[in-house]
Amino acid sequence: MAKAKKKVETGKEKTPVVYIGPGFKDSLLSTYMVFADGIPAEFQQDPVLKHLFVPPEDLNRARAEVARQGSSLHIFYHEALKQHAKGAKK
């Protein structure tokens, strides 16, 4: 049986990711939204949001980490909330 080929772009594999950060009505992002071709370009350089995209196979572990106070994903999640609140006040 042949293996399924992964999408490749300029040497980097494109694999699905799930966004585990907060969702906002005024944003493209919704919690648990799946992106088939990896992290969207507009979020790849974001110092906070880029950490809130995880492979589907890591979803359960990542959800637990977001809930665990003091973990890196918990900190990134709450930093995303702060960033959004600052942007809404402008």
C-alpha atoms as a PDB file:
ATOM      1  CA  MET A   1       0.000   0.000   0.000  1.00  0.00           C
ATOM      2  CA  ALA A   2       1.440   3.387  -0.999  1.00  0.00           C
ATOM      3  CA  LYS A   3       1.943   6.072   1.618  1.00  0.00           C
ATOM      4  CA  ALA A   4       0.005   9.306   1.244  1.00  0.00           C
ATOM      5  CA  LYS A   5       2.255  12.165   0.183  1.00  0.00           C
ATOM      6  CA  LYS A   6       2.369  15.280   2.347  1.00  0.00           C
ATOM      7  CA  LYS A   7       2.010  18.692   0.742  1.00  0.00           C
ATOM      8  CA  VAL A   8       5.385  20.323   0.406  1.00  0.00           C
ATOM      9  CA  GLU A   9       6.222  23.954  -0.241  1.00  0.00           C
ATOM     10  CA  THR A  10       9.827  25.140  -0.573  1.00  0.00           C
ATOM     11  CA  GLY A  11      11.099  22.225   1.500  1.00  0.00           C
ATOM     12  CA  LYS A  12       8.671  22.661   4.408  1.00  0.00           C
ATOM     13  CA  GLU A  13       5.935  20.123   5.008  1.00  0.00           C
ATOM     14  CA  LYS A  14       2.435  21.543   5.204  1.00  0.00           C
ATOM     15  CA  THR A  15       0.436  19.647   7.769  1.00  0.00           C
ATOM     16  CA  PRO A  16      -2.910  20.404   9.402  1.00  0.00           C
ATOM     17  CA  VAL A  17      -2.963  22.405  12.623  1.00  0.00           C
ATOM     18  CA  VAL A  18      -5.676  23.270  15.135  1.00  0.00           C
ATOM     19  CA  TYR A  19      -5.944  26.745  16.677  1.00  0.00           C
ATOM     20  CA  ILE A  20      -6.354  26.382  20.457  1.00  0.00           C
ATOM     21  CA  GLY A  21      -6.342  30.061  21.384  1.00  0.00           C
ATOM     22  CA  PRO A  22      -9.303  32.276  22.209  1.00  0.00           C
ATOM     23  CA  GLY A  23     -11.862  33.053  19.529  1.00  0.00           C
ATOM     24  CA  PHE A  24     -13.202  36.542  18.913  1.00  0.00           C
ATOM     25  CA  LYS A  25     -16.183  37.727  16.888  1.00  0.00           C
ATOM     26  CA  ASP A  26     -14.046  40.274  15.044  1.00  0.00           C
ATOM     27  CA  SER A  27     -11.296  37.800  14.110  1.00  0.00           C
ATOM     28  CA  LEU A  28     -10.671  35.107  11.518  1.00  0.00           C
ATOM     29  CA  LEU A  29      -9.714  32.738  14.342  1.00  0.00           C
ATOM     30  CA  SER A  30     -12.138  30.511  16.208  1.00  0.00           C
ATOM     31  CA  THR A  31     -11.127  28.109  18.948  1.00  0.00           C
ATOM     32  CA  TYR A  32     -10.476  24.604  17.549  1.00  0.00           C
ATOM     33  CA  MET A  33     -10.523  25.849  13.957  1.00  0.00           C
ATOM     34  CA  VAL A  34      -8.533  23.510  11.702  1.00  0.00           C
ATOM     35  CA  PHE A  35      -6.139  24.848   9.061  1.00  0.00           C
ATOM     36  CA  ALA A  36      -5.260  22.171   6.498  1.00  0.00           C
ATOM     37  CA  ASP A  37      -2.049  23.802   5.246  1.00  0.00           C
ATOM     38  CA  GLY A  38      -0.369  24.760   8.512  1.00  0.00           C
ATOM     39  CA  ILE A  39      -0.323  28.081  10.324  1.00  0.00           C
ATOM     40  CA  PRO A  40      -1.811  30.827   8.125  1.00  0.00           C
ATOM     41  CA  ALA A  41       0.818  33.261   6.822  1.00  0.00           C
ATOM     42  CA  GLU A  42      -0.633  36.229   8.726  1.00  0.00           C
ATOM     43  CA  PHE A  43      -0.015  34.452  12.056  1.00  0.00           C
ATOM     44  CA  GLN A  44       3.339  32.751  11.385  1.00  0.00           C
ATOM     45  CA  GLN A  45       5.355  35.709  12.675  1.00  0.00           C
ATOM     46  CA  ASP A  46       3.025  36.681  15.551  1.00  0.00           C
ATOM     47  CA  PRO A  47       5.057  36.204  18.760  1.00  0.00           C
ATOM     48  CA  VAL A  48       2.003  34.926  20.674  1.00  0.00           C
ATOM     49  CA  LEU A  49      -0.530  33.420  18.281  1.00  0.00           C
ATOM     50  CA  LYS A  50       1.942  31.219  16.388  1.00  0.00           C
ATOM     51  CA  HIS A  51       2.291  29.108  19.548  1.00  0.00           C
ATOM     52  CA  LEU A  52      -1.440  28.442  19.733  1.00  0.00           C
ATOM     53  CA  PHE A  53      -1.517  26.248  16.618  1.00  0.00           C
ATOM     54  CA  VAL A  54      -0.931  22.558  17.310  1.00  0.00           C
ATOM     55  CA  PRO A  55      -0.994  19.350  15.262  1.00  0.00           C
ATOM     56  CA  PRO A  56      -4.317  17.488  15.617  1.00  0.00           C
ATOM     57  CA  GLU A  57      -2.598  14.552  17.317  1.00  0.00           C
ATOM     58  CA  ASP A  58      -1.437  16.923  20.106  1.00  0.00           C
ATOM     59  CA  LEU A  59      -4.851  18.509  20.668  1.00  0.00           C
ATOM     60  CA  ASN A  60      -5.746  16.708  23.922  1.00  0.00           C
ATOM     61  CA  ARG A  61      -2.333  17.389  25.454  1.00  0.00           C
ATOM     62  CA  ALA A  62      -2.440  21.030  24.360  1.00  0.00           C
ATOM     63  CA  ARG A  63      -5.961  21.560  25.764  1.00  0.00           C
ATOM     64  CA  ALA A  64      -4.793  20.220  29.120  1.00  0.00           C
ATOM     65  CA  GLU A  65      -1.747  22.497  29.005  1.00  0.00           C
ATOM     66  CA  VAL A  66      -3.864  25.578  28.235  1.00  0.00           C
ATOM     67  CA  ALA A  67      -5.921  24.765  31.335  1.00  0.00           C
ATOM     68  CA  ARG A  68      -2.834  24.256  33.544  1.00  0.00           C
ATOM     69  CA  GLN A  69      -1.901  27.552  35.180  1.00  0.00           C
ATOM     70  CA  GLY A  70       1.702  28.546  34.588  1.00  0.00           C
ATOM     71  CA  SER A  71       2.228  26.360  31.520  1.00  0.00           C
ATOM     72  CA  SER A  72       3.548  27.997  28.370  1.00  0.00           C
ATOM     73  CA  LEU A  73       0.300  27.479  26.424  1.00  0.00           C
ATOM     74  CA  HIS A  74      -1.703  28.907  29.329  1.00  0.00           C
ATOM     75  CA  ILE A  75       0.503  32.012  29.258  1.00  0.00           C
ATOM     76  CA  PHE A  76       0.248  32.387  25.469  1.00  0.00           C
ATOM     77  CA  TYR A  77      -3.556  31.964  25.630  1.00  0.00           C
ATOM     78  CA  HIS A  78      -3.914  34.736  28.205  1.00  0.00           C
ATOM     79  CA  GLU A  79      -1.429  36.956  26.375  1.00  0.00           C
ATOM     80  CA  ALA A  80      -3.616  36.589  23.257  1.00  0.00           C
ATOM     81  CA  LEU A  81      -6.594  37.779  25.319  1.00  0.00           C
ATOM     82  CA  LYS A  82      -4.592  40.804  26.493  1.00  0.00           C
ATOM     83  CA  GLN A  83      -3.428  41.640  22.958  1.00  0.00           C
ATOM     84  CA  HIS A  84      -6.981  41.510  21.653  1.00  0.00           C
ATOM     85  CA  ALA A  85      -8.271  43.706  24.488  1.00  0.00           C
ATOM     86  CA  LYS A  86      -5.574  46.314  23.728  1.00  0.00           C
ATOM     87  CA  GLY A  87      -6.481  46.248  20.037  1.00  0.00           C
ATOM     88  CA  ALA A  88     -10.208  46.682  20.810  1.00  0.00           C
ATOM     89  CA  LYS A  89      -9.540  49.817  22.901  1.00  0.00           C
ATOM     90  CA  LYS A  90      -7.855  51.669  20.030  1.00  0.00           C
END
